[in-house]
């Protein structure tokens, strides 16, 4: 089971303390999605992964995390209106704002996960258009991570799923059709991604689907 806990956290931007819920523990039953979204029960705990200040709107993993954003910037139209994106989910908005903050702080890792998590929140409300938009942002951040760091096969395999889920079928096939990885599972995942791309399939699949 998942165990949430309510605490008081002081916002590092405006100084206001607010009640926030943190996740003390959870568990996972089943296979993750190919973009590494965990199965239940962890899957259902996303609302506790980040916090939002009710006064100034700052969003962070923990509101006492230091930041270079100001209260004035948090009131900007870009931030408050989420670049005029009409999200159907308040959770997607919160993750997107975390993405904007991470971008401003030039934290590529946090920007990637914030955009990806926003896509997951969009998936849960059937907001397909914005799920694709957020996956495209996540893909851009992931490509920065791949370009700037040592070779990481997990990142490359994750990129294949983002390409397919955003409809970039030709790009996926061209990049991966002759690429080999160090493990049989990763090679089978890529073969699965290529096969689905050739069918024009953007659906969500799990690691268990590959292993069937």
N, C-alpha and C. Protein backbone atom coordinates (compact mmCIF):
# COMPACT_ATOMS: atom_id res chain seq x y z
N UNK A 1 0.83 -1.20 0.00
CA UNK A 1 0.00 0.00 0.00
C UNK A 1 0.87 1.25 0.00
N UNK A 2 0.28 2.36 -0.42
CA UNK A 2 0.99 3.64 -0.41
C UNK A 2 0.68 4.37 0.88
N UNK A 3 1.73 4.98 1.46
CA UNK A 3 1.57 5.65 2.76
C UNK A 3 1.93 7.12 2.61
N UNK A 4 0.92 8.02 2.51
CA UNK A 4 1.18 9.45 2.47
C UNK A 4 1.26 10.04 3.88
N UNK A 5 1.89 11.20 3.97
CA UNK A 5 2.04 11.85 5.27
C UNK A 5 2.01 13.36 5.07
N UNK A 6 1.27 14.08 5.90
CA UNK A 6 1.15 15.53 5.77
C UNK A 6 2.16 16.23 6.67
N UNK A 7 2.88 17.19 6.07
CA UNK A 7 3.86 17.98 6.81
C UNK A 7 3.69 19.45 6.47
N UNK A 8 4.36 20.31 7.22
CA UNK A 8 4.38 21.74 6.93
C UNK A 8 5.72 22.08 6.27
N UNK A 9 5.65 22.78 5.13
CA UNK A 9 6.86 23.12 4.39
C UNK A 9 6.86 24.63 4.12
N UNK A 10 8.01 25.26 4.35
CA UNK A 10 8.15 26.70 4.11
C UNK A 10 8.66 26.93 2.69
N UNK A 11 7.95 27.73 1.94
CA UNK A 11 8.31 28.01 0.55
C UNK A 11 9.58 28.85 0.50
N UNK A 12 10.53 28.44 -0.32
CA UNK A 12 11.80 29.16 -0.41
C UNK A 12 11.68 30.45 -1.21
N UNK A 13 10.56 30.67 -1.89
CA UNK A 13 10.38 31.89 -2.67
C UNK A 13 9.66 32.96 -1.86
N UNK A 14 8.47 32.63 -1.35
CA UNK A 14 7.68 33.65 -0.64
C UNK A 14 7.75 33.54 0.87
N UNK A 15 8.27 32.44 1.40
CA UNK A 15 8.41 32.28 2.86
C UNK A 15 7.16 31.78 3.56
N UNK A 16 6.08 31.53 2.82
CA UNK A 16 4.85 31.06 3.44
C UNK A 16 4.93 29.56 3.69
N UNK A 17 4.49 29.13 4.86
CA UNK A 17 4.42 27.71 5.16
C UNK A 17 3.05 27.17 4.77
N UNK A 18 3.03 25.94 4.28
CA UNK A 18 1.76 25.32 3.88
C UNK A 18 1.82 23.84 4.17
N UNK A 19 0.65 23.25 4.28
CA UNK A 19 0.56 21.81 4.47
C UNK A 19 0.78 21.11 3.13
N UNK A 20 1.68 20.14 3.11
CA UNK A 20 1.98 19.39 1.90
C UNK A 20 1.99 17.90 2.24
N UNK A 21 1.64 17.09 1.27
CA UNK A 21 1.64 15.64 1.47
C UNK A 21 2.85 15.03 0.80
N UNK A 22 3.57 14.23 1.54
CA UNK A 22 4.72 13.51 1.01
C UNK A 22 4.41 12.01 1.04
N UNK A 23 5.13 11.27 0.23
CA UNK A 23 4.93 9.83 0.16
C UNK A 23 6.01 9.13 1.00
N UNK A 24 5.57 8.44 2.02
CA UNK A 24 6.53 7.74 2.88
C UNK A 24 6.95 6.41 2.27
N UNK A 25 6.02 5.72 1.64
CA UNK A 25 6.36 4.43 1.03
C UNK A 25 5.26 4.02 0.06
N UNK A 26 5.60 3.12 -0.84
CA UNK A 26 4.62 2.55 -1.75
C UNK A 26 5.17 1.23 -2.25
N UNK A 27 4.47 0.60 -3.20
CA UNK A 27 4.95 -0.65 -3.76
C UNK A 27 4.54 -0.73 -5.22
N UNK A 28 5.03 -1.76 -5.92
CA UNK A 28 4.78 -1.91 -7.35
C UNK A 28 4.43 -3.35 -7.64
N UNK A 29 3.34 -3.55 -8.38
CA UNK A 29 2.94 -4.88 -8.79
C UNK A 29 2.76 -4.89 -10.30
N UNK A 30 3.60 -5.63 -10.99
CA UNK A 30 3.49 -5.70 -12.44
C UNK A 30 4.67 -5.06 -13.14
N UNK A 31 4.55 -4.94 -14.45
CA UNK A 31 5.64 -4.43 -15.28
C UNK A 31 5.46 -2.94 -15.54
N UNK A 32 6.57 -2.20 -15.62
CA UNK A 32 6.48 -0.78 -15.96
C UNK A 32 6.16 -0.59 -17.44
N UNK A 33 5.67 0.61 -17.77
CA UNK A 33 5.50 0.96 -19.17
C UNK A 33 6.87 1.08 -19.83
N UNK A 34 6.90 1.10 -21.14
CA UNK A 34 8.17 1.20 -21.86
C UNK A 34 8.83 2.56 -21.67
N UNK A 35 8.07 3.57 -21.19
CA UNK A 35 8.69 4.85 -20.84
C UNK A 35 9.01 4.91 -19.34
N UNK A 36 8.98 3.73 -18.71
CA UNK A 36 9.38 3.52 -17.30
C UNK A 36 8.36 4.03 -16.30
N UNK A 37 7.15 4.39 -16.73
CA UNK A 37 6.12 4.72 -15.75
C UNK A 37 5.83 3.48 -14.91
N UNK A 38 5.87 3.62 -13.59
CA UNK A 38 5.73 2.42 -12.74
C UNK A 38 4.31 1.90 -12.74
N UNK A 39 4.15 0.61 -12.41
CA UNK A 39 2.80 0.03 -12.25
C UNK A 39 2.20 0.47 -10.92
N UNK A 40 0.97 0.06 -10.69
CA UNK A 40 0.35 0.34 -9.40
C UNK A 40 1.07 -0.45 -8.30
N UNK A 41 1.13 0.05 -7.06
CA UNK A 41 0.38 1.19 -6.57
C UNK A 41 1.16 2.51 -6.75
N UNK A 42 2.44 2.44 -7.03
CA UNK A 42 3.23 3.64 -7.22
C UNK A 42 2.64 4.53 -8.31
N UNK A 43 2.04 3.92 -9.30
CA UNK A 43 1.49 4.66 -10.43
C UNK A 43 0.46 5.71 -9.97
N UNK A 44 -0.26 5.37 -8.90
CA UNK A 44 -1.32 6.25 -8.43
C UNK A 44 -0.88 7.31 -7.43
N UNK A 45 0.43 7.47 -7.25
CA UNK A 45 0.91 8.41 -6.23
C UNK A 45 1.47 9.70 -6.81
N UNK A 46 1.27 9.94 -8.11
CA UNK A 46 1.91 11.07 -8.78
C UNK A 46 1.58 12.41 -8.12
N UNK A 47 0.39 12.55 -7.57
CA UNK A 47 0.00 13.83 -6.97
C UNK A 47 0.86 14.19 -5.78
N UNK A 48 1.62 13.25 -5.27
CA UNK A 48 2.49 13.53 -4.13
C UNK A 48 3.95 13.66 -4.51
N UNK A 49 4.25 13.63 -5.81
CA UNK A 49 5.65 13.68 -6.24
C UNK A 49 6.22 15.10 -6.23
N UNK A 50 5.37 16.10 -6.37
CA UNK A 50 5.83 17.49 -6.34
C UNK A 50 4.84 18.32 -5.52
N UNK A 51 5.31 19.47 -5.05
CA UNK A 51 4.52 20.34 -4.20
C UNK A 51 4.32 21.70 -4.87
N UNK A 52 3.19 22.34 -4.56
CA UNK A 52 2.91 23.67 -5.11
C UNK A 52 2.53 24.61 -3.98
N UNK A 53 3.17 25.78 -3.95
CA UNK A 53 2.87 26.76 -2.92
C UNK A 53 1.52 27.42 -3.22
N UNK A 54 0.59 27.41 -2.26
CA UNK A 54 -0.73 28.01 -2.51
C UNK A 54 -0.70 29.53 -2.57
N UNK A 55 0.40 30.13 -2.13
CA UNK A 55 0.49 31.59 -2.13
C UNK A 55 1.12 32.13 -3.41
N UNK A 56 2.33 31.67 -3.75
CA UNK A 56 3.05 32.25 -4.89
C UNK A 56 3.06 31.36 -6.12
N UNK A 57 2.69 30.08 -5.98
CA UNK A 57 2.63 29.18 -7.12
C UNK A 57 3.92 28.46 -7.45
N UNK A 58 4.94 28.62 -6.61
CA UNK A 58 6.20 27.90 -6.83
C UNK A 58 5.95 26.40 -6.77
N UNK A 59 6.56 25.65 -7.68
CA UNK A 59 6.42 24.19 -7.73
C UNK A 59 7.81 23.57 -7.64
N UNK A 60 7.94 22.57 -6.78
CA UNK A 60 9.23 21.89 -6.62
C UNK A 60 8.98 20.52 -6.01
N UNK A 61 10.02 19.69 -6.04
CA UNK A 61 9.90 18.41 -5.35
C UNK A 61 9.62 18.65 -3.88
N UNK A 62 10.27 19.66 -3.33
CA UNK A 62 9.98 20.13 -1.98
C UNK A 62 10.06 21.65 -2.00
N UNK A 63 9.05 22.33 -1.44
CA UNK A 63 8.98 23.78 -1.54
C UNK A 63 10.14 24.50 -0.87
N UNK A 64 10.87 23.83 -0.01
CA UNK A 64 12.03 24.48 0.60
C UNK A 64 13.29 24.33 -0.24
N UNK A 65 13.16 23.71 -1.43
CA UNK A 65 14.29 23.64 -2.36
C UNK A 65 14.64 25.05 -2.83
N UNK A 66 15.90 25.40 -2.80
CA UNK A 66 16.34 26.72 -3.23
C UNK A 66 16.17 26.86 -4.74
N UNK A 67 15.90 28.09 -5.17
CA UNK A 67 15.67 28.35 -6.58
C UNK A 67 16.09 29.76 -6.94
N UNK A 68 16.34 30.00 -8.23
CA UNK A 68 16.67 31.35 -8.68
C UNK A 68 15.46 32.08 -9.26
N UNK A 69 14.28 31.43 -9.24
CA UNK A 69 13.09 32.11 -9.74
C UNK A 69 12.57 33.06 -8.66
N UNK A 70 11.91 34.12 -9.11
CA UNK A 70 11.39 35.14 -8.19
C UNK A 70 9.87 35.10 -8.17
N UNK A 71 9.30 35.75 -7.15
CA UNK A 71 7.84 35.85 -7.07
C UNK A 71 7.28 36.55 -8.30
N UNK A 72 8.02 37.55 -8.80
CA UNK A 72 7.56 38.29 -9.98
C UNK A 72 7.49 37.36 -11.19
N UNK A 73 8.50 36.53 -11.39
CA UNK A 73 8.49 35.61 -12.52
C UNK A 73 7.36 34.59 -12.38
N UNK A 74 7.08 34.16 -11.16
CA UNK A 74 6.00 33.19 -10.93
C UNK A 74 4.63 33.77 -11.25
N UNK A 75 4.53 35.10 -11.31
CA UNK A 75 3.28 35.75 -11.67
C UNK A 75 3.20 36.07 -13.16
N UNK A 76 4.21 35.71 -13.91
CA UNK A 76 4.22 36.01 -15.34
C UNK A 76 3.14 35.21 -16.06
N UNK A 77 2.69 35.76 -17.19
CA UNK A 77 1.66 35.08 -17.97
C UNK A 77 2.16 33.73 -18.48
N UNK A 78 3.43 33.68 -18.87
CA UNK A 78 4.02 32.44 -19.35
C UNK A 78 3.85 31.32 -18.33
N UNK A 79 4.16 31.64 -17.07
CA UNK A 79 4.12 30.63 -16.02
C UNK A 79 2.69 30.33 -15.59
N UNK A 80 1.93 31.37 -15.29
CA UNK A 80 0.59 31.16 -14.75
C UNK A 80 -0.33 30.48 -15.76
N UNK A 81 -0.18 30.83 -17.04
CA UNK A 81 -1.05 30.26 -18.07
C UNK A 81 -0.44 29.05 -18.75
N UNK A 82 0.70 28.59 -18.25
CA UNK A 82 1.36 27.41 -18.83
C UNK A 82 1.52 27.56 -20.34
N UNK A 83 2.05 28.73 -20.76
CA UNK A 83 2.24 29.01 -22.18
C UNK A 83 0.94 28.85 -22.99
N UNK A 84 -0.17 29.16 -22.33
CA UNK A 84 -1.50 29.08 -22.97
C UNK A 84 -1.89 27.67 -23.39
N UNK A 85 -1.32 26.68 -22.73
CA UNK A 85 -1.70 25.29 -22.99
C UNK A 85 -2.93 24.97 -22.14
N UNK A 86 -3.96 24.48 -22.78
CA UNK A 86 -5.21 24.19 -22.09
C UNK A 86 -5.20 22.74 -21.57
N UNK A 87 -4.53 22.54 -20.46
CA UNK A 87 -4.47 21.20 -19.86
C UNK A 87 -5.82 20.85 -19.25
N UNK A 88 -6.20 19.60 -19.37
CA UNK A 88 -7.44 19.15 -18.75
C UNK A 88 -7.23 18.65 -17.33
N UNK A 89 -5.98 18.62 -16.92
CA UNK A 89 -5.62 18.08 -15.60
C UNK A 89 -4.83 19.11 -14.80
N UNK A 90 -5.25 19.35 -13.56
CA UNK A 90 -4.50 20.26 -12.70
C UNK A 90 -3.13 19.67 -12.37
N UNK A 91 -3.03 18.35 -12.32
CA UNK A 91 -1.74 17.71 -12.05
C UNK A 91 -0.79 17.93 -13.22
N UNK A 92 -1.30 17.84 -14.44
CA UNK A 92 -0.46 18.12 -15.61
C UNK A 92 0.05 19.55 -15.58
N UNK A 93 -0.80 20.49 -15.17
CA UNK A 93 -0.37 21.88 -15.05
C UNK A 93 0.76 22.01 -14.04
N UNK A 94 0.63 21.32 -12.93
CA UNK A 94 1.65 21.41 -11.88
C UNK A 94 2.99 20.87 -12.38
N UNK A 95 2.96 19.74 -13.07
CA UNK A 95 4.21 19.20 -13.61
C UNK A 95 4.76 20.10 -14.72
N UNK A 96 3.89 20.70 -15.52
CA UNK A 96 4.38 21.59 -16.57
C UNK A 96 5.04 22.82 -15.96
N UNK A 97 4.48 23.34 -14.89
CA UNK A 97 5.12 24.48 -14.21
C UNK A 97 6.47 24.08 -13.63
N UNK A 98 6.56 22.86 -13.15
CA UNK A 98 7.85 22.37 -12.68
C UNK A 98 8.84 22.30 -13.84
N UNK A 99 8.34 21.91 -15.00
CA UNK A 99 9.18 21.90 -16.21
C UNK A 99 9.69 23.30 -16.52
N UNK A 100 8.79 24.30 -16.48
CA UNK A 100 9.19 25.67 -16.79
C UNK A 100 10.25 26.17 -15.80
N UNK A 101 10.07 25.86 -14.53
CA UNK A 101 11.05 26.27 -13.52
C UNK A 101 12.38 25.57 -13.76
N UNK A 102 12.34 24.28 -14.04
CA UNK A 102 13.56 23.52 -14.28
C UNK A 102 14.29 24.06 -15.51
N UNK A 103 13.56 24.43 -16.54
CA UNK A 103 14.15 25.03 -17.73
C UNK A 103 14.84 26.34 -17.38
N UNK A 104 14.17 27.17 -16.58
CA UNK A 104 14.75 28.46 -16.21
C UNK A 104 16.02 28.27 -15.39
N UNK A 105 16.04 27.21 -14.58
CA UNK A 105 17.22 26.91 -13.76
C UNK A 105 18.27 26.11 -14.54
N UNK A 106 17.97 25.79 -15.79
CA UNK A 106 18.86 25.00 -16.65
C UNK A 106 19.19 23.64 -16.05
N UNK A 107 18.18 23.09 -15.41
CA UNK A 107 18.31 21.75 -14.83
C UNK A 107 17.66 20.78 -15.81
N UNK A 108 18.47 20.24 -16.72
CA UNK A 108 17.96 19.41 -17.82
C UNK A 108 17.30 18.14 -17.29
N UNK A 109 17.90 17.52 -16.29
CA UNK A 109 17.37 16.27 -15.74
C UNK A 109 15.96 16.49 -15.18
N UNK A 110 15.80 17.53 -14.34
CA UNK A 110 14.48 17.79 -13.77
C UNK A 110 13.48 18.21 -14.83
N UNK A 111 13.94 18.98 -15.83
CA UNK A 111 13.05 19.40 -16.91
C UNK A 111 12.53 18.19 -17.69
N UNK A 112 13.42 17.23 -17.93
CA UNK A 112 13.01 16.01 -18.64
C UNK A 112 11.92 15.27 -17.88
N UNK A 113 12.17 14.99 -16.61
CA UNK A 113 11.20 14.21 -15.85
C UNK A 113 9.90 14.98 -15.62
N UNK A 114 9.98 16.29 -15.44
CA UNK A 114 8.77 17.09 -15.26
C UNK A 114 7.89 17.03 -16.50
N UNK A 115 8.50 17.15 -17.68
CA UNK A 115 7.73 17.08 -18.93
C UNK A 115 7.15 15.68 -19.14
N UNK A 116 7.95 14.65 -18.84
CA UNK A 116 7.46 13.28 -18.98
C UNK A 116 6.30 13.00 -18.04
N UNK A 117 6.42 13.47 -16.79
CA UNK A 117 5.36 13.25 -15.82
C UNK A 117 4.10 14.04 -16.20
N UNK A 118 4.28 15.21 -16.79
CA UNK A 118 3.13 15.96 -17.29
C UNK A 118 2.41 15.16 -18.37
N UNK A 119 3.19 14.48 -19.23
CA UNK A 119 2.59 13.64 -20.26
C UNK A 119 1.79 12.50 -19.64
N UNK A 120 2.32 11.89 -18.59
CA UNK A 120 1.60 10.81 -17.92
C UNK A 120 0.28 11.32 -17.34
N UNK A 121 0.31 12.51 -16.74
CA UNK A 121 -0.90 13.09 -16.18
C UNK A 121 -1.92 13.36 -17.29
N UNK A 122 -1.44 13.79 -18.45
CA UNK A 122 -2.33 13.98 -19.60
C UNK A 122 -2.91 12.65 -20.07
N UNK A 123 -2.09 11.61 -20.09
CA UNK A 123 -2.58 10.28 -20.46
C UNK A 123 -3.78 9.88 -19.60
N UNK A 124 -3.69 10.17 -18.32
CA UNK A 124 -4.72 9.72 -17.38
C UNK A 124 -6.06 10.41 -17.59
N UNK A 125 -6.07 11.56 -18.26
CA UNK A 125 -7.33 12.25 -18.53
C UNK A 125 -7.70 12.21 -20.01
N UNK A 126 -6.98 11.40 -20.78
CA UNK A 126 -7.28 11.28 -22.20
C UNK A 126 -6.93 12.51 -23.01
N UNK A 127 -6.03 13.34 -22.48
CA UNK A 127 -5.62 14.58 -23.16
C UNK A 127 -4.48 14.25 -24.12
N UNK A 128 -4.81 13.61 -25.23
CA UNK A 128 -3.81 13.07 -26.15
C UNK A 128 -2.93 14.15 -26.76
N UNK A 129 -3.54 15.26 -27.19
CA UNK A 129 -2.79 16.33 -27.83
C UNK A 129 -1.70 16.87 -26.92
N UNK A 130 -2.04 17.14 -25.68
CA UNK A 130 -1.05 17.70 -24.76
C UNK A 130 -0.08 16.64 -24.24
N UNK A 131 -0.50 15.38 -24.24
CA UNK A 131 0.44 14.30 -23.91
C UNK A 131 1.56 14.25 -24.95
N UNK A 132 1.20 14.39 -26.23
CA UNK A 132 2.20 14.42 -27.29
C UNK A 132 3.08 15.65 -27.16
N UNK A 133 2.47 16.80 -26.86
CA UNK A 133 3.22 18.04 -26.68
C UNK A 133 4.26 17.89 -25.57
N UNK A 134 3.85 17.30 -24.44
CA UNK A 134 4.78 17.16 -23.31
C UNK A 134 5.85 16.10 -23.60
N UNK A 135 5.49 15.05 -24.29
CA UNK A 135 6.50 14.05 -24.67
C UNK A 135 7.53 14.64 -25.62
N UNK A 136 7.09 15.54 -26.49
CA UNK A 136 8.03 16.20 -27.39
C UNK A 136 9.02 17.06 -26.60
N UNK A 137 8.52 17.75 -25.58
CA UNK A 137 9.41 18.53 -24.71
C UNK A 137 10.37 17.61 -23.97
N UNK A 138 9.85 16.49 -23.46
CA UNK A 138 10.69 15.53 -22.75
C UNK A 138 11.76 14.98 -23.68
N UNK A 139 11.39 14.69 -24.92
CA UNK A 139 12.34 14.17 -25.91
C UNK A 139 13.47 15.18 -26.15
N UNK A 140 13.13 16.45 -26.24
CA UNK A 140 14.15 17.49 -26.44
C UNK A 140 15.14 17.51 -25.28
N UNK A 141 14.62 17.38 -24.05
CA UNK A 141 15.50 17.38 -22.87
C UNK A 141 16.33 16.11 -22.82
N UNK A 142 15.73 14.99 -23.18
CA UNK A 142 16.47 13.72 -23.17
C UNK A 142 17.61 13.75 -24.17
N UNK A 143 17.39 14.34 -25.32
CA UNK A 143 18.45 14.43 -26.32
C UNK A 143 19.62 15.28 -25.80
N UNK A 144 19.33 16.30 -25.01
CA UNK A 144 20.39 17.09 -24.38
C UNK A 144 21.19 16.23 -23.41
N UNK A 145 20.48 15.41 -22.63
CA UNK A 145 21.14 14.53 -21.66
C UNK A 145 22.02 13.51 -22.37
N UNK A 146 21.53 12.96 -23.47
CA UNK A 146 22.30 11.98 -24.23
C UNK A 146 23.54 12.61 -24.83
N UNK A 147 23.38 13.83 -25.34
CA UNK A 147 24.50 14.51 -26.00
C UNK A 147 25.58 14.96 -25.03
N UNK A 148 25.20 15.26 -23.80
CA UNK A 148 26.14 15.86 -22.85
C UNK A 148 26.79 14.86 -21.90
N UNK A 149 26.28 13.64 -21.85
CA UNK A 149 26.80 12.68 -20.88
C UNK A 149 27.40 11.45 -21.53
N UNK A 150 27.90 10.53 -20.70
CA UNK A 150 28.44 9.27 -21.23
C UNK A 150 27.33 8.44 -21.85
N UNK A 151 27.70 7.49 -22.69
CA UNK A 151 26.71 6.65 -23.36
C UNK A 151 25.82 5.95 -22.34
N UNK A 152 24.52 6.06 -22.53
CA UNK A 152 23.56 5.47 -21.59
C UNK A 152 22.50 4.72 -22.40
N UNK A 153 22.56 3.41 -22.39
CA UNK A 153 21.64 2.62 -23.20
C UNK A 153 20.20 2.79 -22.75
N UNK A 154 19.98 2.95 -21.45
CA UNK A 154 18.61 3.12 -20.96
C UNK A 154 17.98 4.39 -21.55
N UNK A 155 18.76 5.47 -21.62
CA UNK A 155 18.26 6.71 -22.22
C UNK A 155 17.92 6.50 -23.69
N UNK A 156 18.77 5.78 -24.40
CA UNK A 156 18.54 5.55 -25.82
C UNK A 156 17.28 4.72 -26.06
N UNK A 157 17.05 3.72 -25.22
CA UNK A 157 15.86 2.89 -25.34
C UNK A 157 14.61 3.70 -24.98
N UNK A 158 14.73 4.55 -23.97
CA UNK A 158 13.61 5.43 -23.60
C UNK A 158 13.29 6.40 -24.73
N UNK A 159 14.33 6.90 -25.39
CA UNK A 159 14.12 7.81 -26.51
C UNK A 159 13.29 7.15 -27.60
N UNK A 160 13.51 5.87 -27.85
CA UNK A 160 12.74 5.17 -28.88
C UNK A 160 11.25 5.20 -28.56
N UNK A 161 10.90 5.03 -27.29
CA UNK A 161 9.48 5.06 -26.93
C UNK A 161 8.90 6.46 -27.12
N UNK A 162 9.67 7.49 -26.76
CA UNK A 162 9.19 8.86 -26.94
C UNK A 162 8.99 9.18 -28.42
N UNK A 163 9.89 8.71 -29.26
CA UNK A 163 9.74 8.93 -30.70
C UNK A 163 8.45 8.27 -31.20
N UNK A 164 8.21 7.05 -30.79
CA UNK A 164 7.02 6.34 -31.25
C UNK A 164 5.75 6.98 -30.71
N UNK A 165 5.74 7.33 -29.44
CA UNK A 165 4.53 7.90 -28.82
C UNK A 165 4.21 9.29 -29.37
N UNK A 166 5.20 9.98 -29.95
CA UNK A 166 4.95 11.28 -30.57
C UNK A 166 4.73 11.17 -32.07
N UNK A 167 4.70 9.96 -32.59
CA UNK A 167 4.42 9.76 -34.00
C UNK A 167 5.60 9.93 -34.93
N UNK A 168 6.81 9.98 -34.37
CA UNK A 168 8.01 10.14 -35.20
C UNK A 168 8.50 8.76 -35.65
N UNK A 169 7.66 8.07 -36.40
CA UNK A 169 7.93 6.68 -36.76
C UNK A 169 9.16 6.53 -37.65
N UNK A 170 9.26 7.36 -38.66
CA UNK A 170 10.39 7.25 -39.59
C UNK A 170 11.71 7.52 -38.89
N UNK A 171 11.71 8.52 -37.99
CA UNK A 171 12.93 8.85 -37.25
C UNK A 171 13.35 7.68 -36.36
N UNK A 172 12.38 7.03 -35.74
CA UNK A 172 12.68 5.87 -34.88
C UNK A 172 13.30 4.75 -35.71
N UNK A 173 12.65 4.41 -36.81
CA UNK A 173 13.12 3.29 -37.64
C UNK A 173 14.53 3.58 -38.18
N UNK A 174 14.73 4.80 -38.67
CA UNK A 174 16.03 5.15 -39.25
C UNK A 174 17.15 5.09 -38.21
N UNK A 175 16.87 5.57 -36.99
CA UNK A 175 17.92 5.62 -35.97
C UNK A 175 18.23 4.26 -35.36
N UNK A 176 17.21 3.39 -35.25
CA UNK A 176 17.38 2.18 -34.45
C UNK A 176 17.43 0.87 -35.25
N UNK A 177 17.16 0.89 -36.52
CA UNK A 177 17.04 -0.38 -37.24
C UNK A 177 18.35 -1.17 -37.28
N UNK A 178 19.48 -0.48 -37.18
CA UNK A 178 20.77 -1.19 -37.21
C UNK A 178 21.55 -1.04 -35.89
N UNK A 179 20.84 -0.65 -34.84
CA UNK A 179 21.51 -0.42 -33.55
C UNK A 179 21.37 -1.65 -32.67
N UNK A 180 22.47 -2.03 -32.02
CA UNK A 180 22.46 -3.18 -31.11
C UNK A 180 22.83 -2.74 -29.71
N UNK A 181 22.20 -3.39 -28.72
CA UNK A 181 22.43 -3.06 -27.32
C UNK A 181 23.06 -4.25 -26.59
N UNK A 182 23.47 -3.99 -25.36
CA UNK A 182 24.26 -4.98 -24.64
C UNK A 182 23.43 -6.10 -24.02
N UNK A 183 22.11 -5.93 -23.94
CA UNK A 183 21.29 -6.97 -23.32
C UNK A 183 20.19 -7.42 -24.28
N UNK A 184 19.79 -8.65 -24.12
CA UNK A 184 18.75 -9.22 -24.98
C UNK A 184 17.43 -8.49 -24.79
N UNK A 185 17.12 -8.11 -23.55
CA UNK A 185 15.86 -7.42 -23.28
C UNK A 185 15.80 -6.09 -24.02
N UNK A 186 16.88 -5.31 -23.96
CA UNK A 186 16.89 -4.02 -24.63
C UNK A 186 16.75 -4.20 -26.14
N UNK A 187 17.41 -5.21 -26.70
CA UNK A 187 17.29 -5.48 -28.14
C UNK A 187 15.86 -5.88 -28.50
N UNK A 188 15.21 -6.63 -27.62
CA UNK A 188 13.83 -7.03 -27.91
C UNK A 188 12.88 -5.84 -27.79
N UNK A 189 13.16 -4.94 -26.85
CA UNK A 189 12.33 -3.73 -26.74
C UNK A 189 12.43 -2.89 -28.00
N UNK A 190 13.65 -2.72 -28.50
CA UNK A 190 13.84 -1.93 -29.72
C UNK A 190 13.16 -2.60 -30.92
N UNK A 191 13.28 -3.91 -31.04
CA UNK A 191 12.61 -4.63 -32.13
C UNK A 191 11.09 -4.44 -32.04
N UNK A 192 10.58 -4.46 -30.82
CA UNK A 192 9.15 -4.24 -30.57
C UNK A 192 8.76 -2.82 -30.99
N UNK A 193 9.57 -1.83 -30.61
CA UNK A 193 9.29 -0.44 -30.95
C UNK A 193 9.28 -0.25 -32.46
N UNK A 194 10.24 -0.83 -33.14
CA UNK A 194 10.31 -0.70 -34.61
C UNK A 194 9.08 -1.33 -35.27
N UNK A 195 8.69 -2.51 -34.77
CA UNK A 195 7.52 -3.19 -35.34
C UNK A 195 6.26 -2.35 -35.15
N UNK A 196 6.09 -1.75 -33.98
CA UNK A 196 4.92 -0.91 -33.73
C UNK A 196 4.99 0.37 -34.55
N UNK A 197 6.19 0.92 -34.71
CA UNK A 197 6.35 2.13 -35.53
C UNK A 197 5.95 1.87 -36.97
N UNK A 198 6.29 0.71 -37.50
CA UNK A 198 5.92 0.37 -38.87
C UNK A 198 4.41 0.25 -39.05
N UNK A 199 3.71 0.01 -37.93
CA UNK A 199 2.25 -0.07 -37.96
C UNK A 199 1.60 1.28 -37.67
N UNK A 200 2.43 2.29 -37.38
CA UNK A 200 1.89 3.60 -37.02
C UNK A 200 1.19 3.59 -35.67
N UNK A 201 1.68 2.79 -34.75
CA UNK A 201 1.06 2.57 -33.45
C UNK A 201 1.70 3.47 -32.39
N UNK A 202 0.90 4.34 -31.77
CA UNK A 202 1.40 5.24 -30.72
C UNK A 202 0.92 4.83 -29.33
N UNK A 203 0.36 3.64 -29.19
CA UNK A 203 -0.23 3.22 -27.92
C UNK A 203 0.82 2.99 -26.83
N UNK A 204 0.32 2.93 -25.61
CA UNK A 204 1.19 2.65 -24.45
C UNK A 204 1.35 1.13 -24.32
N UNK A 205 2.59 0.70 -24.12
CA UNK A 205 2.89 -0.71 -23.88
C UNK A 205 3.81 -0.85 -22.68
N UNK A 206 3.79 -2.03 -22.10
CA UNK A 206 4.63 -2.33 -20.94
C UNK A 206 5.76 -3.28 -21.34
N UNK A 207 6.70 -3.44 -20.44
CA UNK A 207 7.78 -4.40 -20.65
C UNK A 207 7.21 -5.82 -20.80
N UNK A 208 6.12 -6.10 -20.10
CA UNK A 208 5.51 -7.42 -20.20
C UNK A 208 4.97 -7.69 -21.60
N UNK A 209 4.51 -6.66 -22.30
CA UNK A 209 4.03 -6.83 -23.68
C UNK A 209 5.16 -7.29 -24.59
N UNK A 210 6.36 -6.79 -24.33
CA UNK A 210 7.53 -7.18 -25.13
C UNK A 210 7.88 -8.64 -24.88
N UNK A 211 7.70 -9.08 -23.66
CA UNK A 211 8.11 -10.42 -23.27
C UNK A 211 7.10 -11.50 -23.61
N UNK A 212 5.92 -11.13 -24.12
CA UNK A 212 4.90 -12.12 -24.44
C UNK A 212 5.31 -12.98 -25.63
